[in-house]
Protein backbone atom coordinates (compact mmCIF):
# COMPACT_ATOMS: atom_id res chain seq x y z
CA MET A 1 2.15 16.13 -12.41
CA LYS A 2 -1.03 14.49 -11.22
CA VAL A 3 -1.26 12.37 -8.06
CA LEU A 4 -2.93 9.00 -8.67
CA LEU A 5 -4.19 7.67 -5.37
CA ILE A 6 -4.91 3.93 -5.47
CA ALA A 7 -6.79 1.76 -2.98
CA SER A 8 -8.11 -1.76 -3.30
CA THR A 9 -11.85 -1.52 -2.63
CA PRO A 10 -14.51 1.11 -3.37
CA LYS A 11 -15.40 1.52 0.31
CA GLU A 12 -11.86 2.29 1.41
CA LEU A 13 -11.20 4.54 -1.58
CA LYS A 14 -14.38 6.47 -0.78
CA ALA A 15 -13.30 6.89 2.84
CA ILE A 16 -9.88 8.20 1.82
CA LYS A 17 -11.38 10.55 -0.76
CA GLU A 18 -13.94 11.96 1.68
CA TRP A 19 -11.39 12.57 4.38
CA ILE A 20 -8.98 14.31 2.05
CA LYS A 21 -11.88 16.55 1.00
CA LYS A 22 -12.93 17.20 4.61
CA ALA A 23 -9.38 18.07 5.60
CA ASN A 24 -9.79 21.36 3.70
CA LEU A 25 -6.17 21.27 2.65
CA LYS A 26 -6.39 24.54 0.71
CA MET A 27 -3.97 23.23 -1.88
CA ASN A 28 -4.17 23.19 -5.63
CA LEU A 29 -4.82 19.45 -5.71
CA ASN A 30 -4.70 17.52 -8.93
CA ILE A 31 -5.68 14.01 -7.82
CA ASP A 32 -7.22 11.04 -9.57
CA TYR A 33 -8.60 8.13 -7.57
CA LEU A 34 -8.41 4.52 -8.73
CA CYS A 35 -9.92 1.38 -7.26
CA CYS A 36 -7.49 -1.34 -8.32
CA GLY A 37 -9.22 -4.33 -6.74
CA ILE A 38 -7.81 -7.08 -4.56
CA TRP A 39 -5.33 -9.66 -5.84
CA ASN A 40 -2.39 -9.30 -8.22
CA TYR A 41 -4.01 -9.63 -11.65
CA GLU A 42 -6.72 -7.15 -10.76
CA VAL A 43 -4.02 -4.65 -9.83
CA VAL A 44 -2.05 -5.13 -13.04
CA SER A 45 -5.15 -4.88 -15.24
CA SER A 46 -6.71 -1.80 -13.63
CA LEU A 47 -3.50 0.18 -13.14
CA GLU A 48 -2.15 -0.56 -16.60
CA HIS A 49 -5.51 0.37 -18.15
CA TYR A 50 -5.45 3.73 -16.35
CA LEU A 51 -1.88 4.51 -17.38
CA THR A 52 -2.46 3.64 -21.04
CA GLN A 53 -5.64 5.73 -21.17
CA ASN A 54 -4.12 8.79 -19.47
CA SER A 55 -1.02 10.22 -21.04
CA ALA A 56 -0.26 12.87 -18.40
CA PRO A 57 2.55 11.92 -15.99
CA VAL A 58 1.40 10.82 -12.55
CA PHE A 59 2.83 10.23 -9.11
CA ILE A 60 1.43 6.86 -8.03
CA TRP A 61 0.42 6.71 -4.37
CA ASN A 62 -0.93 3.36 -3.21
CA ILE A 63 -2.61 3.07 0.21
CA TRP A 64 -3.88 -0.22 1.58
CA VAL A 65 -3.55 -2.70 4.44
CA CYS A 66 -1.07 -5.54 4.76
CA ASP A 67 -0.65 -8.66 6.86
CA TYR A 68 2.09 -8.86 9.44
CA TRP A 69 3.93 -11.61 11.27
CA ASN A 70 5.90 -10.88 14.38
CA SER A 71 3.83 -11.23 17.49
CA GLU A 72 0.14 -11.99 17.55
CA ASN A 73 -0.39 -9.66 20.49
CA GLU A 74 1.71 -6.83 19.13
CA GLU A 75 -0.31 -3.95 17.76
CA LYS A 76 0.74 -2.75 14.33
CA SER A 77 -1.15 0.48 13.91
CA GLU A 78 1.63 2.65 12.53
CA PRO A 79 1.75 2.88 8.71
CA ILE A 80 4.84 1.70 6.88
CA GLN A 81 6.34 2.70 3.55
CA VAL A 82 7.39 -0.23 1.39
CA SER A 83 11.03 0.14 0.37
CA SER A 84 11.58 -3.29 -1.12
CA ILE A 85 9.37 -6.17 -2.21
CA ILE A 86 10.52 -9.79 -1.94
CA ASN A 87 8.82 -12.43 -4.06
CA ILE A 88 8.31 -15.47 -1.81
CA HIS A 89 8.20 -17.81 -4.81
CA THR A 90 11.45 -16.74 -6.49
CA GLU A 91 13.18 -15.04 -3.51
CA LYS A 92 13.98 -12.12 -5.81
CA GLU A 93 13.90 -8.63 -4.36
CA VAL A 94 12.69 -5.46 -6.08
CA ILE A 95 13.82 -2.14 -4.63
CA ILE A 96 11.37 0.77 -4.60
CA PRO A 97 13.45 3.91 -5.21
CA PRO A 98 13.08 6.33 -2.26
CA PHE A 99 11.52 9.17 -4.23
CA LEU A 100 10.50 10.58 -0.86
CA GLN A 101 9.80 9.21 2.60
CA ILE A 102 6.56 9.70 4.52
CA ALA A 103 6.69 6.70 6.91
CA SER A 104 9.12 4.11 8.26
CA LEU A 105 10.77 2.17 5.43
CA LYS A 106 10.16 -1.59 5.60
CA ASN A 107 10.56 -4.72 3.49
CA CYS A 108 7.38 -6.37 2.27
CA PHE A 109 6.98 -9.97 1.14
CA SER A 110 4.61 -10.64 -1.72
CA GLY A 111 3.09 -13.74 -3.28
CA GLU A 112 0.48 -15.05 -5.66
CA ASN A 113 -1.98 -15.99 -2.93
CA ILE A 114 -2.80 -15.24 0.67
CA ILE A 115 -0.24 -16.90 2.93
CA LEU A 116 -1.78 -19.61 5.09
CA GLU A 117 1.04 -22.10 5.58
CA ASN A 118 2.99 -21.60 8.81
CA PHE A 119 6.03 -23.49 7.56
CA ARG A 120 6.81 -20.82 4.99
CA PHE A 121 7.79 -18.49 7.81
CA GLN A 122 10.09 -20.98 9.52
CA ASN A 123 12.64 -21.43 6.76
CA GLY A 124 14.65 -19.66 4.10
CA ILE A 125 14.11 -15.98 3.42
CA TRP A 126 11.71 -15.50 6.33
CA ILE A 127 14.38 -15.84 9.01
CA TRP A 128 16.44 -12.97 7.61
CA TYR A 129 14.07 -10.35 8.97
CA ASN A 130 12.84 -9.54 12.46
CA GLU A 131 9.70 -7.85 11.18
CA ILE A 132 7.72 -9.34 8.36
CA TYR A 133 4.98 -7.71 6.32
CA PHE A 134 3.08 -9.39 3.55
CA ASP A 135 0.57 -8.54 0.84
CA MET A 136 -0.27 -9.57 -2.71
CA GLU A 137 -0.55 -6.14 -4.34
CA SER A 138 2.66 -4.21 -3.56
CA ARG A 139 4.75 -6.19 -5.99
CA TRP A 140 2.44 -5.46 -8.90
CA VAL A 141 1.94 -1.78 -8.16
CA GLY A 142 5.73 -1.53 -8.13
CA PHE A 143 6.04 -3.61 -11.29
CA VAL A 144 3.57 -1.61 -13.39
CA ALA A 145 4.83 1.76 -12.11
CA SER A 146 8.41 0.75 -12.91
CA LYS A 147 7.40 -0.48 -16.38
CA TYR A 148 5.95 2.94 -17.23
CA LYS A 149 8.70 4.77 -15.31
CA TYR A 150 6.37 6.62 -12.96
CA PRO A 151 7.41 7.63 -9.44
CA ARG A 152 5.54 5.69 -6.78
CA LEU A 153 4.99 5.49 -3.07
CA ILE A 154 3.45 2.41 -1.45
CA LEU A 155 1.97 3.00 1.99
CA ARG A 156 0.68 0.07 4.04
CA LEU A 157 -1.29 -0.21 7.26
CA PRO A 158 -0.22 -3.41 9.08
CA PHE A 159 -3.63 -4.69 10.02
CA TYR A 160 -4.13 -8.44 9.80
CA TYR A 161 -2.03 -10.90 11.78
CA ILE A 162 -1.36 -13.78 9.38
CA TRP A 163 -3.25 -17.04 9.93
CA ILE A 164 -5.63 -15.72 12.59
CA LYS A 165 -9.16 -16.79 11.68
CA THR A 166 -11.36 -13.88 12.63
CA GLU A 167 -14.60 -14.83 14.33
CA SER A 168 -17.68 -13.40 12.66
CA SER A 169 -18.40 -11.31 15.75
CA LYS A 170 -15.03 -9.62 15.37
CA ILE A 171 -15.24 -8.87 11.66
CA GLU A 172 -17.39 -5.78 12.06
CA LYS A 173 -15.07 -4.40 14.75
CA SER A 174 -12.08 -5.05 12.50
CA LEU A 175 -13.70 -3.18 9.63
CA ASN A 176 -14.55 -0.28 11.92
CA ASP A 177 -10.96 -0.23 13.19
CA LEU A 178 -9.71 -0.20 9.61
CA GLU A 179 -11.98 2.67 8.64
CA PHE A 180 -10.84 4.57 11.73
CA SER A 181 -7.19 3.96 10.82
CA LEU A 182 -7.73 5.15 7.25
CA LYS A 183 -9.57 8.26 8.40
CA ASN A 184 -6.84 9.23 10.81
CA LEU A 185 -3.84 9.06 8.53
CA PRO A 186 -2.05 12.44 8.38
CA TYR A 187 -3.12 13.18 4.79
CA ARG A 188 -2.17 16.85 5.07
CA GLU A 189 1.43 15.98 5.96
CA TYR A 190 1.62 13.28 3.30
CA LEU A 191 0.27 15.48 0.53
CA TRP A 192 2.52 18.40 1.42
CA LYS A 193 5.56 16.13 1.06
CA ILE A 194 4.34 14.63 -2.20
CA LEU A 195 3.44 18.00 -3.73
CA ASP A 196 6.75 19.49 -2.57
CA TRP A 197 8.61 16.61 -4.24
CA ILE A 198 6.60 17.10 -7.45
CA SER A 199 7.29 20.85 -7.50
CA LYS A 200 11.02 20.29 -7.09
CA THR A 201 11.25 17.67 -9.82
CA ALA A 202 8.89 19.18 -12.39
């Protein structure tokens, strides 16, 4: 089974690919890399196109950042593994089967657009959770993978505090911090767990 590693932008996918290569994992790696783009319809289109053009079974591994809402001053550097995705528009929840665990399991809210309205977090489903993570892509990676019945693992780096307007002087630092975070993920540990799971289920 091939590992399909998905990220949202070419720059981040390149960084991940280079650091996996530099890690000198000395494994028999069978990995494809896919840039799925940002926003939900981009994800659906690119991932579905890949899966329909490649018949071999794949383990879908999605790595990207997410927004968080808890405390503006609380650092959220540790990666999380999405275990369920809650649609903020319908309040329906989709469970991601725990094929394997490589990080702390967390709920992730998902919507059609970037969340900018504070009131959404003051009512309804938001108050059920102490920690809140949000992105637009998790839901659709999970949806397409489920449709084609492929195992999947969605890993997120909590990176952007929702609603904070980043000053232009801070944007470059944020991007450097993101690249640093991506580079320093324990890819060796992650891949060993994924490949071990694949070998046991093949």
